[in-house]
PDB file of N, CA and C in Angstrom:
ATOM      1  N   MET A   1     -57.628  -6.236 -44.663  1.00  0.00           N
ATOM      2  CA  MET A   1     -56.322  -6.476 -45.268  1.00  0.00           C
ATOM      3  C   MET A   1     -55.506  -7.317 -44.304  1.00  0.00           C
ATOM      4  N   SER A   2     -54.982  -8.397 -44.760  1.00  0.00           N
ATOM      5  CA  SER A   2     -54.112  -9.243 -43.953  1.00  0.00           C
ATOM      6  C   SER A   2     -52.683  -9.087 -44.451  1.00  0.00           C
ATOM      7  N   VAL A   3     -51.789  -8.694 -43.561  1.00  0.00           N
ATOM      8  CA  VAL A   3     -50.417  -8.412 -43.947  1.00  0.00           C
ATOM      9  C   VAL A   3     -49.489  -9.435 -43.301  1.00  0.00           C
ATOM     10  N   PRO A   4     -48.736 -10.205 -44.086  1.00  0.00           N
ATOM     11  CA  PRO A   4     -47.809 -11.177 -43.504  1.00  0.00           C
ATOM     12  C   PRO A   4     -46.655 -10.487 -42.783  1.00  0.00           C
ATOM     13  N   PHE A   5     -46.111 -11.186 -41.782  1.00  0.00           N
ATOM     14  CA  PHE A   5     -45.030 -10.617 -40.988  1.00  0.00           C
ATOM     15  C   PHE A   5     -43.830 -10.221 -41.839  1.00  0.00           C
ATOM     16  N   ASP A   6     -43.508 -10.964 -42.892  1.00  0.00           N
ATOM     17  CA  ASP A   6     -42.327 -10.622 -43.685  1.00  0.00           C
ATOM     18  C   ASP A   6     -42.469  -9.257 -44.359  1.00  0.00           C
ATOM     19  N   VAL A   7     -43.666  -8.871 -44.724  1.00  0.00           N
ATOM     20  CA  VAL A   7     -43.892  -7.555 -45.319  1.00  0.00           C
ATOM     21  C   VAL A   7     -43.711  -6.482 -44.248  1.00  0.00           C
ATOM     22  N   ILE A   8     -44.208  -6.746 -43.061  1.00  0.00           N
ATOM     23  CA  ILE A   8     -44.063  -5.791 -41.960  1.00  0.00           C
ATOM     24  C   ILE A   8     -42.589  -5.639 -41.615  1.00  0.00           C
ATOM     25  N   ALA A   9     -41.864  -6.727 -41.568  1.00  0.00           N
ATOM     26  CA  ALA A   9     -40.420  -6.668 -41.292  1.00  0.00           C
ATOM     27  C   ALA A   9     -39.699  -5.896 -42.384  1.00  0.00           C
ATOM     28  N   GLU A  10     -40.090  -6.101 -43.634  1.00  0.00           N
ATOM     29  CA  GLU A  10     -39.487  -5.383 -44.768  1.00  0.00           C
ATOM     30  C   GLU A  10     -39.698  -3.879 -44.614  1.00  0.00           C
ATOM     31  N   LEU A  11     -40.912  -3.484 -44.286  1.00  0.00           N
ATOM     32  CA  LEU A  11     -41.215  -2.061 -44.140  1.00  0.00           C
ATOM     33  C   LEU A  11     -40.440  -1.437 -42.986  1.00  0.00           C
ATOM     34  N   SER A  12     -40.381  -2.121 -41.857  1.00  0.00           N
ATOM     35  CA  SER A  12     -39.742  -1.540 -40.678  1.00  0.00           C
ATOM     36  C   SER A  12     -38.224  -1.553 -40.751  1.00  0.00           C
ATOM     37  N   SER A  13     -37.648  -2.307 -41.689  1.00  0.00           N
ATOM     38  CA  SER A  13     -36.194  -2.410 -41.777  1.00  0.00           C
ATOM     39  C   SER A  13     -35.537  -1.201 -42.444  1.00  0.00           C
ATOM     40  N   HIS A  14     -36.314  -0.377 -43.099  1.00  0.00           N
ATOM     41  CA  HIS A  14     -35.761   0.795 -43.795  1.00  0.00           C
ATOM     42  C   HIS A  14     -35.296   1.849 -42.807  1.00  0.00           C
ATOM     43  N   LYS A  15     -34.222   2.535 -43.159  1.00  0.00           N
ATOM     44  CA  LYS A  15     -33.655   3.579 -42.306  1.00  0.00           C
ATOM     45  C   LYS A  15     -34.080   4.974 -42.743  1.00  0.00           C
ATOM     46  N   LYS A  16     -34.643   5.093 -43.950  1.00  0.00           N
ATOM     47  CA  LYS A  16     -35.058   6.393 -44.478  1.00  0.00           C
ATOM     48  C   LYS A  16     -36.571   6.408 -44.652  1.00  0.00           C
ATOM     49  N   ALA A  17     -37.132   7.613 -44.741  1.00  0.00           N
ATOM     50  CA  ALA A  17     -38.563   7.778 -44.960  1.00  0.00           C
ATOM     51  C   ALA A  17     -38.976   7.118 -46.275  1.00  0.00           C
ATOM     52  N   LEU A  18     -40.192   6.605 -46.294  1.00  0.00           N
ATOM     53  CA  LEU A  18     -40.694   5.862 -47.456  1.00  0.00           C
ATOM     54  C   LEU A  18     -41.632   6.720 -48.294  1.00  0.00           C
ATOM     55  N   LYS A  19     -41.620   6.480 -49.591  1.00  0.00           N
ATOM     56  CA  LYS A  19     -42.557   7.130 -50.501  1.00  0.00           C
ATOM     57  C   LYS A  19     -43.868   6.356 -50.491  1.00  0.00           C
ATOM     58  N   VAL A  20     -44.956   7.064 -50.751  1.00  0.00           N
ATOM     59  CA  VAL A  20     -46.282   6.449 -50.779  1.00  0.00           C
ATOM     60  C   VAL A  20     -46.328   5.317 -51.796  1.00  0.00           C
ATOM     61  N   VAL A  21     -45.760   5.510 -52.966  1.00  0.00           N
ATOM     62  CA  VAL A  21     -45.801   4.482 -54.005  1.00  0.00           C
ATOM     63  C   VAL A  21     -45.100   3.202 -53.535  1.00  0.00           C
ATOM     64  N   TYR A  22     -44.006   3.327 -52.799  1.00  0.00           N
ATOM     65  CA  TYR A  22     -43.301   2.147 -52.285  1.00  0.00           C
ATOM     66  C   TYR A  22     -44.171   1.405 -51.277  1.00  0.00           C
ATOM     67  N   VAL A  23     -44.782   2.143 -50.367  1.00  0.00           N
ATOM     68  CA  VAL A  23     -45.638   1.512 -49.353  1.00  0.00           C
ATOM     69  C   VAL A  23     -46.811   0.794 -50.021  1.00  0.00           C
ATOM     70  N   ALA A  24     -47.452   1.465 -50.959  1.00  0.00           N
ATOM     71  CA  ALA A  24     -48.593   0.863 -51.646  1.00  0.00           C
ATOM     72  C   ALA A  24     -48.188  -0.398 -52.396  1.00  0.00           C
ATOM     73  N   THR A  25     -47.091  -0.343 -53.116  1.00  0.00           N
ATOM     74  CA  THR A  25     -46.622  -1.495 -53.880  1.00  0.00           C
ATOM     75  C   THR A  25     -46.263  -2.654 -52.958  1.00  0.00           C
ATOM     76  N   THR A  26     -45.565  -2.363 -51.876  1.00  0.00           N
ATOM     77  CA  THR A  26     -45.154  -3.400 -50.938  1.00  0.00           C
ATOM     78  C   THR A  26     -46.351  -4.087 -50.299  1.00  0.00           C
ATOM     79  N   LEU A  27     -47.381  -3.312 -49.976  1.00  0.00           N
ATOM     80  CA  LEU A  27     -48.567  -3.877 -49.338  1.00  0.00           C
ATOM     81  C   LEU A  27     -49.583  -4.422 -50.337  1.00  0.00           C
ATOM     82  N   GLY A  28     -49.389  -4.132 -51.606  1.00  0.00           N
ATOM     83  CA  GLY A  28     -50.321  -4.618 -52.624  1.00  0.00           C
ATOM     84  C   GLY A  28     -51.644  -3.870 -52.620  1.00  0.00           C
ATOM     85  N   VAL A  29     -51.590  -2.583 -52.291  1.00  0.00           N
ATOM     86  CA  VAL A  29     -52.786  -1.745 -52.302  1.00  0.00           C
ATOM     87  C   VAL A  29     -52.530  -0.542 -53.205  1.00  0.00           C
ATOM     88  N   SER A  30     -53.566   0.266 -53.402  1.00  0.00           N
ATOM     89  CA  SER A  30     -53.401   1.443 -54.266  1.00  0.00           C
ATOM     90  C   SER A  30     -52.772   2.600 -53.508  1.00  0.00           C
ATOM     91  N   LYS A  31     -52.151   3.502 -54.265  1.00  0.00           N
ATOM     92  CA  LYS A  31     -51.632   4.730 -53.663  1.00  0.00           C
ATOM     93  C   LYS A  31     -52.777   5.521 -53.046  1.00  0.00           C
ATOM     94  N   GLN A  32     -53.923   5.492 -53.713  1.00  0.00           N
ATOM     95  CA  GLN A  32     -55.090   6.227 -53.221  1.00  0.00           C
ATOM     96  C   GLN A  32     -55.486   5.748 -51.824  1.00  0.00           C
ATOM     97  N   MET A  33     -55.426   4.447 -51.575  1.00  0.00           N
ATOM     98  CA  MET A  33     -55.769   3.928 -50.256  1.00  0.00           C
ATOM     99  C   MET A  33     -54.815   4.472 -49.193  1.00  0.00           C
ATOM    100  N   ILE A  34     -53.525   4.527 -49.527  1.00  0.00           N
ATOM    101  CA  ILE A  34     -52.537   5.051 -48.578  1.00  0.00           C
ATOM    102  C   ILE A  34     -52.818   6.526 -48.309  1.00  0.00           C
ATOM    103  N   TYR A  35     -53.076   7.306 -49.362  1.00  0.00           N
ATOM    104  CA  TYR A  35     -53.402   8.719 -49.178  1.00  0.00           C
ATOM    105  C   TYR A  35     -54.676   8.896 -48.342  1.00  0.00           C
ATOM    106  N   GLU A  36     -55.675   8.047 -48.557  1.00  0.00           N
ATOM    107  CA  GLU A  36     -56.912   8.121 -47.775  1.00  0.00           C
ATOM    108  C   GLU A  36     -56.639   7.862 -46.300  1.00  0.00           C
ATOM    109  N   GLU A  37     -55.809   6.873 -46.011  1.00  0.00           N
ATOM    110  CA  GLU A  37     -55.471   6.564 -44.618  1.00  0.00           C
ATOM    111  C   GLU A  37     -54.705   7.722 -43.972  1.00  0.00           C
ATOM    112  N   ILE A  38     -53.840   8.372 -44.745  1.00  0.00           N
ATOM    113  CA  ILE A  38     -53.122   9.544 -44.247  1.00  0.00           C
ATOM    114  C   ILE A  38     -54.113  10.675 -43.961  1.00  0.00           C
ATOM    115  N   ASN A  39     -54.998  10.940 -44.921  1.00  0.00           N
ATOM    116  CA  ASN A  39     -55.960  12.039 -44.776  1.00  0.00           C
ATOM    117  C   ASN A  39     -56.950  11.809 -43.641  1.00  0.00           C
ATOM    118  N   LYS A  40     -57.285  10.548 -43.352  1.00  0.00           N
ATOM    119  CA  LYS A  40     -58.177  10.216 -42.237  1.00  0.00           C
ATOM    120  C   LYS A  40     -57.464  10.347 -40.888  1.00  0.00           C
ATOM    121  N   GLY A  41     -56.137  10.442 -40.930  1.00  0.00           N
ATOM    122  CA  GLY A  41     -55.377  10.517 -39.689  1.00  0.00           C
ATOM    123  C   GLY A  41     -55.000   9.157 -39.136  1.00  0.00           C
ATOM    124  N   ASN A  42     -55.230   8.098 -39.911  1.00  0.00           N
ATOM    125  CA  ASN A  42     -54.921   6.740 -39.469  1.00  0.00           C
ATOM    126  C   ASN A  42     -53.454   6.373 -39.658  1.00  0.00           C
ATOM    127  N   LEU A  43     -52.805   7.032 -40.596  1.00  0.00           N
ATOM    128  CA  LEU A  43     -51.415   6.727 -40.924  1.00  0.00           C
ATOM    129  C   LEU A  43     -50.617   8.027 -40.879  1.00  0.00           C
ATOM    130  N   PRO A  44     -49.727   8.171 -39.890  1.00  0.00           N
ATOM    131  CA  PRO A  44     -48.944   9.407 -39.784  1.00  0.00           C
ATOM    132  C   PRO A  44     -48.024   9.596 -40.998  1.00  0.00           C
ATOM    133  N   ALA A  45     -47.885  10.836 -41.421  1.00  0.00           N
ATOM    134  CA  ALA A  45     -47.033  11.138 -42.576  1.00  0.00           C
ATOM    135  C   ALA A  45     -46.368  12.490 -42.393  1.00  0.00           C
ATOM    136  N   LEU A  46     -45.266  12.658 -43.086  1.00  0.00           N
ATOM    137  CA  LEU A  46     -44.562  13.936 -43.137  1.00  0.00           C
ATOM    138  C   LEU A  46     -44.915  14.586 -44.467  1.00  0.00           C
ATOM    139  N   ARG A  47     -45.349  15.835 -44.416  1.00  0.00           N
ATOM    140  CA  ARG A  47     -45.699  16.551 -45.642  1.00  0.00           C
ATOM    141  C   ARG A  47     -44.771  17.738 -45.804  1.00  0.00           C
ATOM    142  N   PHE A  48     -44.204  17.833 -46.989  1.00  0.00           N
ATOM    143  CA  PHE A  48     -43.348  18.951 -47.362  1.00  0.00           C
ATOM    144  C   PHE A  48     -43.897  19.491 -48.664  1.00  0.00           C
ATOM    145  N   GLY A  49     -44.799  20.467 -48.591  1.00  0.00           N
ATOM    146  CA  GLY A  49     -45.466  20.943 -49.798  1.00  0.00           C
ATOM    147  C   GLY A  49     -46.337  19.820 -50.343  1.00  0.00           C
ATOM    148  N   THR A  50     -46.037  19.383 -51.564  1.00  0.00           N
ATOM    149  CA  THR A  50     -46.804  18.286 -52.160  1.00  0.00           C
ATOM    150  C   THR A  50     -46.128  16.932 -51.961  1.00  0.00           C
ATOM    151  N   THR A  51     -44.977  16.928 -51.313  1.00  0.00           N
ATOM    152  CA  THR A  51     -44.242  15.686 -51.078  1.00  0.00           C
ATOM    153  C   THR A  51     -44.702  15.055 -49.767  1.00  0.00           C
ATOM    154  N   VAL A  52     -44.958  13.755 -49.808  1.00  0.00           N
ATOM    155  CA  VAL A  52     -45.389  13.012 -48.627  1.00  0.00           C
ATOM    156  C   VAL A  52     -44.397  11.881 -48.385  1.00  0.00           C
ATOM    157  N   ARG A  53     -43.934  11.769 -47.151  1.00  0.00           N
ATOM    158  CA  ARG A  53     -43.039  10.677 -46.773  1.00  0.00           C
ATOM    159  C   ARG A  53     -43.570  10.021 -45.515  1.00  0.00           C
ATOM    160  N   LEU A  54     -43.288   8.724 -45.372  1.00  0.00           N
ATOM    161  CA  LEU A  54     -43.790   7.945 -44.251  1.00  0.00           C
ATOM    162  C   LEU A  54     -42.645   7.344 -43.455  1.00  0.00           C
ATOM    163  N   ASN A  55     -42.781   7.380 -42.139  1.00  0.00           N
ATOM    164  CA  ASN A  55     -41.806   6.760 -41.259  1.00  0.00           C
ATOM    165  C   ASN A  55     -41.983   5.244 -41.350  1.00  0.00           C
ATOM    166  N   PRO A  56     -40.916   4.494 -41.653  1.00  0.00           N
ATOM    167  CA  PRO A  56     -41.041   3.036 -41.798  1.00  0.00           C
ATOM    168  C   PRO A  56     -41.645   2.348 -40.570  1.00  0.00           C
ATOM    169  N   LEU A  57     -41.289   2.809 -39.381  1.00  0.00           N
ATOM    170  CA  LEU A  57     -41.833   2.193 -38.165  1.00  0.00           C
ATOM    171  C   LEU A  57     -43.323   2.489 -37.996  1.00  0.00           C
ATOM    172  N   ASP A  58     -43.753   3.702 -38.374  1.00  0.00           N
ATOM    173  CA  ASP A  58     -45.180   4.024 -38.333  1.00  0.00           C
ATOM    174  C   ASP A  58     -45.964   3.156 -39.310  1.00  0.00           C
ATOM    175  N   VAL A  59     -45.422   2.958 -40.495  1.00  0.00           N
ATOM    176  CA  VAL A  59     -46.102   2.135 -41.502  1.00  0.00           C
ATOM    177  C   VAL A  59     -46.191   0.683 -41.032  1.00  0.00           C
ATOM    178  N   ALA A  60     -45.107   0.158 -40.482  1.00  0.00           N
ATOM    179  CA  ALA A  60     -45.106  -1.223 -39.996  1.00  0.00           C
ATOM    180  C   ALA A  60     -46.116  -1.399 -38.866  1.00  0.00           C
ATOM    181  N   GLU A  61     -46.171  -0.442 -37.962  1.00  0.00           N
ATOM    182  CA  GLU A  61     -47.129  -0.507 -36.851  1.00  0.00           C
ATOM    183  C   GLU A  61     -48.566  -0.435 -37.360  1.00  0.00           C
ATOM    184  N   TRP A  62     -48.810   0.472 -38.302  1.00  0.00           N
ATOM    185  CA  TRP A  62     -50.135   0.617 -38.896  1.00  0.00           C
ATOM    186  C   TRP A  62     -50.559  -0.668 -39.608  1.00  0.00           C
ATOM    187  N   ALA A  63     -49.652  -1.252 -40.378  1.00  0.00           N
ATOM    188  CA  ALA A  63     -49.956  -2.484 -41.104  1.00  0.00           C
ATOM    189  C   ALA A  63     -50.186  -3.641 -40.138  1.00  0.00           C
ATOM    190  N   ASN A  64     -49.370  -3.740 -39.113  1.00  0.00           N
ATOM    191  CA  ASN A  64     -49.500  -4.825 -38.142  1.00  0.00           C
ATOM    192  C   ASN A  64     -50.827  -4.744 -37.398  1.00  0.00           C
ATOM    193  N   ALA A  65     -51.299  -3.543 -37.126  1.00  0.00           N
ATOM    194  CA  ALA A  65     -52.570  -3.368 -36.428  1.00  0.00           C
ATOM    195  C   ALA A  65     -53.748  -3.851 -37.275  1.00  0.00           C
ATOM    196  N   ARG A  66     -53.564  -3.942 -38.576  1.00  0.00           N
ATOM    197  CA  ARG A  66     -54.623  -4.381 -39.476  1.00  0.00           C
ATOM    198  C   ARG A  66     -54.552  -5.862 -39.811  1.00  0.00           C
ATOM    199  N   ARG A  67     -53.553  -6.537 -39.302  1.00  0.00           N
ATOM    200  CA  ARG A  67     -53.397  -7.972 -39.556  1.00  0.00           C
ATOM    201  C   ARG A  67     -54.503  -8.716 -38.830  1.00  0.00           C
ATOM    202  N   THR A  68     -55.320  -9.430 -39.576  1.00  0.00           N
ATOM    203  CA  THR A  68     -56.486 -10.085 -38.982  1.00  0.00           C
ATOM    204  C   THR A  68     -56.436 -11.601 -39.044  1.00  0.00           C
ATOM    205  N   VAL A  69     -55.634 -12.152 -39.917  1.00  0.00           N
ATOM    206  CA  VAL A  69     -55.654 -13.599 -40.138  1.00  0.00           C
ATOM    207  C   VAL A  69     -54.244 -14.152 -40.038  1.00  0.00           C
ATOM    208  N   GLU A  70     -54.091 -15.221 -39.277  1.00  0.00           N
ATOM    209  CA  GLU A  70     -52.784 -15.869 -39.153  1.00  0.00           C
ATOM    210  C   GLU A  70     -52.523 -16.814 -40.321  1.00  0.00           C
ATOM    211  N   GLY A  71     -53.532 -17.514 -40.756  1.00  0.00           N
ATOM    212  CA  GLY A  71     -53.382 -18.503 -41.824  1.00  0.00           C
ATOM    213  C   GLY A  71     -54.055 -18.052 -43.092  1.00  0.00           C
ATOM    214  N   PRO A  72     -54.142 -18.950 -44.068  1.00  0.00           N
ATOM    215  CA  PRO A  72     -54.794 -18.597 -45.337  1.00  0.00           C
ATOM    216  C   PRO A  72     -56.297 -18.372 -45.147  1.00  0.00           C
ATOM    217  N   LEU A  73     -56.835 -17.502 -45.976  1.00  0.00           N
ATOM    218  CA  LEU A  73     -58.275 -17.246 -45.955  1.00  0.00           C
ATOM    219  C   LEU A  73     -59.026 -18.371 -46.647  1.00  0.00           C
ATOM    220  N   ARG A  74     -60.230 -18.632 -46.203  1.00  0.00           N
ATOM    221  CA  ARG A  74     -61.070 -19.625 -46.866  1.00  0.00           C
ATOM    222  C   ARG A  74     -61.609 -19.060 -48.158  1.00  0.00           C
ATOM    223  N   LYS A  75     -61.697 -19.904 -49.171  1.00  0.00           N
ATOM    224  CA  LYS A  75     -62.284 -19.471 -50.439  1.00  0.00           C
ATOM    225  C   LYS A  75     -63.786 -19.428 -50.309  1.00  0.00           C
ATOM    226  N   ALA A  76     -64.397 -18.432 -50.969  1.00  0.00           N
ATOM    227  CA  ALA A  76     -65.854 -18.318 -50.954  1.00  0.00           C
ATOM    228  C   ALA A  76     -66.469 -19.467 -51.725  1.00  0.00           C
ATOM    229  N   ALA A  77     -67.589 -19.953 -51.241  1.00  0.00           N
ATOM    230  CA  ALA A  77     -68.260 -21.086 -51.884  1.00  0.00           C
ATOM    231  C   ALA A  77     -69.083 -20.661 -53.061  1.00  0.00           C
TER     232      ALA A  77
END
């Protein structure tokens, strides 16, 4: 997954905890992927019963660590 800096800046600019659906939508991935990353221990989360919230700075750091490409990807031949 390649995440542009503007998305990372958007995520880290929030002052309140983020919902999984917001993070997934912003990154263009499924909610299931976010839950899987939380369950694997790769993405820290706050759990209150069945409610899950994410620290914006943790999400931005996690997304930035997965940034692999600076420019556009090459199209497959």
